[in-house]
Protein backbone atom coordinates (compact mmCIF):
# COMPACT_ATOMS: atom_id res chain seq x y z
CA MET A 1 0.00 0.09 0.12
CA LYS A 2 1.55 3.44 -1.10
CA LEU A 3 -0.35 6.68 -1.69
CA THR A 4 0.05 10.50 -0.83
CA ILE A 5 -2.95 12.37 0.56
CA SER A 6 -3.57 15.83 1.86
CA ARG A 7 -3.39 15.77 5.67
CA ASP A 8 -6.83 17.64 5.93
CA THR A 9 -8.53 14.82 3.80
CA LEU A 10 -7.03 12.12 5.78
CA LEU A 11 -7.97 13.79 9.21
CA GLU A 12 -11.54 14.22 7.97
CA GLN A 13 -11.80 10.43 7.03
CA ILE A 14 -10.45 9.50 10.23
CA ASN A 15 -12.64 11.62 12.36
CA HIS A 16 -15.75 10.17 10.63
CA VAL A 17 -14.95 6.72 11.94
CA VAL A 18 -12.80 7.08 14.83
CA GLY A 19 -16.10 7.22 17.12
CA ALA A 20 -16.70 3.51 16.73
CA ILE A 21 -13.35 2.62 17.88
CA ASP A 22 -12.55 1.56 21.75
CA LYS A 23 -9.70 3.22 23.08
CA LYS A 24 -8.96 0.41 25.28
CA HIS A 25 -10.07 -2.99 24.31
CA THR A 26 -9.17 -6.67 25.54
CA LYS A 27 -8.67 -7.28 21.67
CA LYS A 28 -5.74 -5.03 20.47
CA ILE A 29 -7.03 -5.22 16.92
CA LEU A 30 -10.41 -3.32 18.01
CA GLU A 31 -8.07 -0.26 19.01
CA ASN A 32 -7.15 -0.07 15.54
CA ILE A 33 -8.47 1.67 12.23
CA TYR A 34 -8.90 -0.42 9.08
CA ILE A 35 -7.39 1.10 5.91
CA ALA A 36 -8.12 -0.39 2.47
CA VAL A 37 -6.71 1.27 -0.65
CA SER A 38 -7.34 0.56 -4.27
CA LYS A 39 -6.07 2.73 -7.23
CA ASN A 40 -9.06 5.26 -7.05
CA GLU A 41 -10.23 5.01 -3.52
CA MET A 42 -9.15 5.12 0.27
CA HIS A 43 -11.63 3.21 2.54
CA VAL A 44 -11.23 3.54 6.35
CA LEU A 45 -13.28 1.88 8.90
CA GLY A 46 -13.74 1.37 12.84
CA THR A 47 -15.69 -0.92 14.79
CA ASP A 48 -16.44 -1.94 18.13
CA LEU A 49 -18.37 -5.07 17.38
CA GLU A 50 -21.55 -3.19 18.13
CA ILE A 51 -21.36 -0.23 15.64
CA GLU A 52 -19.34 0.21 12.55
CA LEU A 53 -18.48 3.50 10.83
CA SER A 54 -16.64 3.55 7.47
CA SER A 55 -15.83 6.32 5.02
CA SER A 56 -14.34 6.70 1.63
CA THR A 57 -12.70 9.31 -0.47
CA SER A 58 -11.10 9.27 -3.89
CA ILE A 59 -7.62 9.31 -4.51
CA ASN A 60 -4.60 8.14 -6.76
CA ALA A 61 -2.72 5.31 -5.16
CA GLU A 62 0.69 4.02 -6.44
CA ILE A 63 0.21 0.61 -4.72
CA GLU A 64 -3.11 -0.94 -3.46
CA GLY A 65 -3.36 -2.94 -0.11
CA THR A 66 -4.85 -3.02 3.35
CA ILE A 67 -3.66 -2.67 6.68
CA THR A 68 -4.71 -1.71 10.35
CA THR A 69 -3.01 0.41 12.88
CA SER A 70 -3.63 2.15 16.14
CA ALA A 71 -6.55 4.58 15.53
CA LYS A 72 -5.39 6.75 18.57
CA LYS A 73 -2.04 7.22 17.42
CA PHE A 74 -2.90 7.61 13.79
CA LEU A 75 -5.26 10.45 14.71
CA ASN A 76 -3.07 12.16 16.93
CA ILE A 77 -0.22 12.25 14.45
CA CYS A 78 -2.75 13.72 11.79
CA LYS A 79 -3.75 16.23 14.01
CA ALA A 80 -0.32 17.32 15.08
CA LEU A 81 0.94 17.68 11.47
CA PRO A 82 0.42 21.16 9.83
CA SER A 83 -2.83 22.05 8.09
CA GLU A 84 -2.72 21.67 4.29
CA ALA A 85 0.42 19.61 4.46
CA PHE A 86 0.55 16.40 2.41
CA ILE A 87 1.38 12.92 3.86
CA SER A 88 2.81 9.95 2.24
CA LEU A 89 1.56 6.63 3.52
CA GLU A 90 3.43 3.44 2.87
CA ALA A 91 2.66 -0.09 4.49
CA ARG A 92 5.60 -2.44 4.12
CA ASP A 93 7.24 -5.12 6.27
CA HIS A 94 4.16 -5.00 8.81
CA ARG A 95 4.81 -1.33 9.56
CA LEU A 96 2.96 1.92 8.56
CA TYR A 97 5.18 4.77 7.58
CA LEU A 98 3.75 8.44 7.52
CA ASN A 99 6.08 10.91 6.07
CA GLY A 100 5.33 14.72 5.81
CA ASP A 101 7.65 17.22 4.42
CA ARG A 102 10.11 16.87 7.52
CA SER A 103 8.32 14.62 9.63
CA HIS A 104 8.41 10.63 9.73
CA PHE A 105 6.69 8.34 11.75
CA ASP A 106 6.71 4.41 11.82
CA LEU A 107 3.68 2.69 13.46
CA THR A 108 3.04 -1.04 14.05
CA THR A 109 0.16 -2.69 12.27
CA LEU A 110 -1.99 -5.93 12.53
CA PRO A 111 -3.27 -7.91 9.57
CA ALA A 112 -6.11 -6.44 7.83
CA GLU A 113 -7.72 -9.95 7.47
CA ASP A 114 -8.01 -10.32 11.29
CA TYR A 115 -10.31 -7.36 11.40
CA PRO A 116 -13.99 -8.15 12.46
CA LEU A 117 -15.79 -6.46 9.38
CA LEU A 118 -19.67 -6.96 9.44
CA ASP A 119 -20.83 -9.44 6.95
CA ASP A 120 -23.02 -8.67 4.28
CA ILE A 121 -26.41 -7.93 5.86
CA GLN A 122 -29.80 -8.73 4.03
CA PHE A 123 -32.10 -5.61 4.86
CA ASN A 124 -35.70 -6.16 4.51
CA HIS A 125 -37.35 -2.74 5.30
CA GLU A 126 -36.47 0.84 4.90
CA ILE A 127 -37.70 4.25 5.63
CA THR A 128 -36.98 7.63 4.24
CA ILE A 129 -36.88 10.69 6.65
CA PRO A 130 -35.40 14.17 6.27
CA GLU A 131 -31.81 14.41 7.83
CA ASN A 132 -32.63 17.24 10.16
CA ILE A 133 -35.76 15.67 11.35
CA LEU A 134 -34.05 12.39 12.35
CA LYS A 135 -31.46 14.49 14.21
CA GLU A 136 -34.10 16.36 16.13
CA LEU A 137 -36.01 13.24 17.02
CA PHE A 138 -32.69 11.80 18.45
CA ASP A 139 -31.59 15.05 20.28
CA ARG A 140 -35.01 15.55 21.82
CA THR A 141 -35.02 11.92 23.60
CA ALA A 142 -31.76 10.60 23.58
CA PHE A 143 -30.73 12.41 27.06
CA SER A 144 -33.10 9.94 29.14
CA MET A 145 -31.43 6.61 27.69
CA ALA A 146 -30.45 4.52 30.58
CA ASN A 147 -26.54 3.91 30.91
CA GLN A 148 -25.43 0.37 31.80
CA ASP A 149 -28.68 -0.62 33.44
CA VAL A 150 -29.15 -4.25 34.06
CA ARG A 151 -32.41 -3.97 31.95
CA TYR A 152 -30.33 -4.12 28.75
CA TYR A 153 -33.31 -2.97 26.58
CA LEU A 154 -33.35 0.41 28.16
CA ASN A 155 -29.67 1.17 27.26
CA GLY A 156 -30.97 2.54 23.91
CA LEU A 157 -33.40 4.41 21.84
CA PHE A 158 -36.72 2.65 20.85
CA LEU A 159 -37.57 3.60 17.08
CA GLU A 160 -41.05 3.05 16.51
CA ILE A 161 -42.34 3.16 12.92
CA ASP A 162 -45.98 3.03 12.58
CA GLY A 163 -47.14 3.88 8.93
CA ASP A 164 -46.42 7.61 8.43
CA THR A 165 -45.40 8.36 11.97
CA VAL A 166 -41.90 7.82 13.28
CA ARG A 167 -41.31 7.96 16.97
CA THR A 168 -38.24 7.87 19.19
CA VAL A 169 -38.83 6.72 22.91
CA THR A 170 -36.26 6.58 25.76
CA THR A 171 -36.44 5.90 29.46
CA ASP A 172 -34.21 5.10 32.32
CA GLY A 173 -36.95 3.98 34.60
CA HIS A 174 -37.16 7.44 36.28
CA ARG A 175 -38.39 9.63 33.40
CA LEU A 176 -39.24 9.10 29.66
CA ALA A 177 -39.10 10.91 26.61
CA VAL A 178 -41.05 10.76 23.44
CA ALA A 179 -40.97 12.60 20.13
CA ALA A 180 -42.73 11.94 16.95
CA TYR A 181 -42.62 12.96 13.30
CA GLN A 182 -45.48 12.21 10.75
CA ALA A 183 -44.78 12.41 6.98
CA ASN A 184 -48.39 13.23 5.53
CA ASP A 185 -47.05 13.28 2.20
CA LYS A 186 -45.66 9.75 2.18
CA PRO A 187 -48.48 7.18 2.67
CA SER A 188 -46.86 3.90 4.18
CA ASP A 189 -48.17 0.93 5.94
CA LEU A 190 -44.97 -0.18 7.23
CA LYS A 191 -44.96 -1.10 10.97
CA ASN A 192 -41.48 -1.99 12.66
CA ASN A 193 -39.96 -1.59 16.12
CA ILE A 194 -36.26 -1.43 16.95
CA ILE A 195 -33.98 -0.76 19.77
CA ILE A 196 -30.74 1.10 18.92
CA PRO A 197 -27.85 0.90 21.50
CA ARG A 198 -26.98 3.91 23.26
CA LYS A 199 -23.57 4.35 21.53
CA GLY A 200 -24.98 3.96 18.18
CA VAL A 201 -27.54 6.68 18.96
CA LEU A 202 -24.79 9.00 20.10
CA GLU A 203 -22.49 8.34 17.05
CA LEU A 204 -25.23 8.61 14.60
CA SER A 205 -26.58 11.87 16.01
CA LYS A 206 -22.87 13.20 15.62
CA LEU A 207 -23.12 12.46 11.80
CA LEU A 208 -26.39 14.09 11.29
CA ASP A 209 -26.76 17.81 10.20
CA GLY A 210 -29.45 19.45 11.79
CA SER A 211 -29.66 22.17 9.08
CA SER A 212 -30.18 19.66 6.17
CA GLN A 213 -33.11 18.58 4.94
CA THR A 214 -31.75 15.97 2.45
CA PRO A 215 -33.66 12.55 2.97
CA LEU A 216 -32.01 9.88 4.46
CA THR A 217 -32.75 6.36 3.94
CA LEU A 218 -32.68 3.96 7.41
CA TYR A 219 -32.07 0.24 6.11
CA LEU A 220 -33.41 -2.13 8.57
CA SER A 221 -32.93 -5.83 9.21
CA ASP A 222 -33.83 -8.24 12.29
CA ASN A 223 -30.55 -7.45 13.83
CA HIS A 224 -29.19 -4.32 12.22
CA LEU A 225 -29.68 -0.55 11.28
CA GLN A 226 -27.61 1.02 8.49
CA VAL A 227 -27.55 4.57 7.32
CA LYS A 228 -25.83 5.97 4.37
CA LYS A 229 -24.85 9.76 4.15
CA GLY A 230 -22.74 10.57 1.15
CA ASP A 231 -19.50 8.43 1.52
CA ILE A 232 -20.14 7.76 5.17
CA ARG A 233 -21.80 4.48 6.26
CA PHE A 234 -23.09 3.82 9.66
CA THR A 235 -24.00 0.34 10.62
CA SER A 236 -25.19 -0.73 14.09
CA LYS A 237 -26.34 -4.05 15.82
CA LEU A 238 -29.78 -3.69 17.56
CA ILE A 239 -30.69 -4.52 21.13
CA ASP A 240 -32.54 -7.96 20.92
CA GLY A 241 -35.22 -7.05 23.50
CA LYS A 242 -38.73 -6.08 24.35
CA TYR A 243 -39.23 -2.58 25.13
CA PRO A 244 -41.72 -1.84 27.85
CA ASP A 245 -45.21 -0.36 27.02
CA TYR A 246 -44.27 3.36 27.11
CA GLN A 247 -47.87 4.50 26.48
CA ALA A 248 -48.92 2.98 29.74
CA ALA A 249 -46.67 5.59 31.47
CA ILE A 250 -48.07 8.66 29.71
CA PRO A 251 -50.97 9.93 31.56
CA VAL A 252 -54.23 9.73 29.62
CA SER A 253 -55.83 12.71 31.75
CA SER A 254 -54.65 14.88 34.60
CA THR A 255 -56.53 16.79 37.26
CA TYR A 256 -54.48 20.18 36.86
CA HIS A 257 -52.85 21.66 33.91
CA ILE A 258 -50.48 24.48 34.83
CA GLU A 259 -48.91 27.00 32.29
CA LEU A 260 -45.76 28.38 32.84
CA ASN A 261 -43.06 30.61 31.31
CA ARG A 262 -40.52 28.07 30.23
CA LEU A 263 -37.53 30.26 30.76
CA LEU A 264 -38.78 31.54 34.05
CA PHE A 265 -39.57 28.02 35.33
CA ARG A 266 -36.00 26.71 34.10
CA ASP A 267 -34.14 29.64 35.75
CA THR A 268 -36.11 29.59 38.99
CA LEU A 269 -35.55 25.73 39.34
CA ALA A 270 -31.67 26.25 38.77
CA ARG A 271 -31.49 28.79 41.44
CA VAL A 272 -33.28 26.75 43.99
CA ALA A 273 -31.27 23.66 43.00
CA ILE A 274 -28.15 25.35 44.18
CA LEU A 275 -28.76 24.19 47.71
CA SER A 276 -30.48 20.69 46.80
CA ASN A 277 -28.85 17.67 48.09
CA GLU A 278 -25.83 17.22 45.52
CA LYS A 279 -26.44 13.45 45.39
CA PHE A 280 -30.24 13.08 45.13
CA ARG A 281 -31.07 16.60 43.53
CA GLY A 282 -34.39 16.55 45.23
CA ILE A 283 -36.72 19.79 45.07
CA ARG A 284 -40.35 20.09 46.13
CA LEU A 285 -42.95 21.76 44.25
CA ARG A 286 -46.18 23.29 46.35
CA PHE A 287 -49.12 24.29 44.67
CA HIS A 288 -51.53 26.64 46.75
CA ASN A 289 -53.75 29.69 46.17
CA GLY A 290 -52.32 30.70 42.83
CA ILE A 291 -48.65 30.04 43.66
CA MET A 292 -46.05 27.47 42.91
CA THR A 293 -43.49 27.39 45.64
CA ILE A 294 -40.40 25.72 44.96
CA HIS A 295 -38.28 24.51 48.00
CA SER A 296 -34.80 22.77 48.45
CA THR A 297 -32.74 21.61 51.23
CA ASN A 298 -29.41 19.67 51.84
CA PRO A 299 -27.87 17.80 54.61
CA GLU A 300 -26.19 20.97 56.06
CA LYS A 301 -29.99 22.32 56.56
CA GLU A 302 -29.36 25.13 54.19
CA THR A 303 -32.75 26.02 52.46
CA ALA A 304 -33.74 27.68 49.22
CA GLU A 305 -37.26 28.75 48.30
CA GLU A 306 -38.81 30.69 45.50
CA GLU A 307 -42.16 31.54 44.21
CA ILE A 308 -44.04 31.65 40.90
CA ASP A 309 -47.51 32.97 40.20
CA ILE A 310 -49.64 30.34 38.57
CA ASP A 311 -53.08 29.75 37.55
CA TYR A 312 -54.13 27.18 40.17
CA ASN A 313 -57.15 27.02 42.61
CA GLY A 314 -57.23 23.54 43.84
CA GLU A 315 -56.26 21.89 47.02
CA ILE A 316 -52.88 22.23 48.69
CA LEU A 317 -50.41 19.82 46.59
CA GLU A 318 -47.03 19.25 47.45
CA ILE A 319 -44.74 16.81 45.02
CA GLY A 320 -41.03 16.15 45.04
CA PHE A 321 -38.78 15.76 41.91
CA ASN A 322 -35.11 15.22 40.87
CA VAL A 323 -34.60 18.89 39.62
CA SER A 324 -32.16 17.47 36.99
CA TYR A 325 -34.71 15.46 35.45
CA LEU A 326 -37.08 18.36 35.43
CA LEU A 327 -34.18 20.75 33.91
CA GLU A 328 -33.38 18.45 31.26
CA ALA A 329 -36.89 17.85 29.98
CA ILE A 330 -37.59 21.74 29.93
CA ASN A 331 -34.51 22.43 28.11
CA HIS A 332 -35.66 19.99 25.29
CA ILE A 333 -39.09 21.87 24.75
CA HIS A 334 -38.92 24.50 22.20
CA THR A 335 -41.85 26.82 23.01
CA ASP A 336 -42.09 29.95 25.37
CA ILE A 337 -44.78 28.50 27.28
CA ILE A 338 -44.90 24.72 28.70
CA VAL A 339 -47.81 22.87 30.47
CA LEU A 340 -47.35 20.64 33.72
CA HIS A 341 -50.01 18.10 33.66
CA ILE A 342 -50.36 16.58 37.56
CA SER A 343 -53.00 14.76 39.29
CA ASN A 344 -51.70 14.00 42.76
CA PRO A 345 -48.55 13.72 44.83
CA ASP A 346 -47.74 10.30 43.89
CA SER A 347 -48.38 10.78 40.16
CA SER A 348 -45.82 11.45 37.43
CA VAL A 349 -45.78 14.71 35.85
CA LEU A 350 -46.14 15.20 32.28
CA LEU A 351 -44.16 18.31 30.69
CA SER A 352 -45.40 19.41 27.23
CA ALA A 353 -45.40 22.38 24.93
CA LEU A 354 -48.63 24.60 25.03
CA ASP A 355 -48.81 24.39 21.23
CA GLY A 356 -49.39 20.82 20.66
CA ASP A 357 -45.61 19.94 19.91
CA SER A 358 -45.41 16.06 19.72
CA ALA A 359 -42.76 15.63 22.26
CA LYS A 360 -43.77 14.58 25.66
CA TYR A 361 -41.70 14.19 28.82
CA ILE A 362 -42.71 12.39 31.91
CA VAL A 363 -40.77 12.55 35.40
CA MET A 364 -41.62 10.20 38.31
CA PRO A 365 -41.91 11.65 41.62
CA ILE A 366 -39.58 11.24 44.58
CA ARG A 367 -40.08 11.14 48.23
CA LEU A 368 -38.37 13.91 50.21
């Protein structure tokens, strides 16, 4: 393998795939980046056996070949070289040589044939969705995915395809986020549900451009999801499990519907939370006579309290929440006015936008 390539082009290719590669793994080859060079194309790939990212670019190579080398070292060398420099890559005698104008690097390699590439996958369903919509669905729900939960099916994002509607759902057992998109111009009778693992959601979201309305096609099989964006290909294994009935967690009706200025509520919560217990982050909401009182305390018996005027004439109602969960939900609602749907001190609160936005956020109460 031998070629010359601009440092900026090479760095761009590495950055496209390095997110899939583990920095430390019991299998050394999974810390490596896979490089395949043909006469007219350079193909780089990274995987952790759960997700795979690959990218291609046009080149003029002197010698074809394949090799794997340390992704971390390869990336750091390219970052450190001057912008707009050209790099000569040559693989021979089980080494990879990188030569700049006056820089020379010699890296160890492992055989490309030992690299665990995903086999050819037979996809049996596909759905097309604008790139910015897919990113928005991910961004508005990914924050409430579980992380290393023993209920493995919660460590990911539930993607529900129901005809023209695409929903993303996440929960960690303490809160739940739901967002939906309906493509009215594209009739479909496809019904499919998949669970995308946490890392796959985060890496795919990084690839997506929130300003691009270009249609993206999601290819689905029983065990994999694949998305192609230009010369970048993202493939992820799916979590094999049954996602809980999220609809059962969404209140059908609520006794009280309290409208709040989103920024006022967010900033008030943030101030009161300063003196909340650092571990449990608990705050108490008290509703009475047109006022919501937000209260926090901590083990040092320090307290904070602030009031907000609201439209509320019911009985005295007190309910505790993890303030971090409330704040994250509020930060993902995009309207000026939000609505709290509450029934009693033991029920979940549903946060939604006033204008009928499809996104819904449920937060479980806590005892204080």
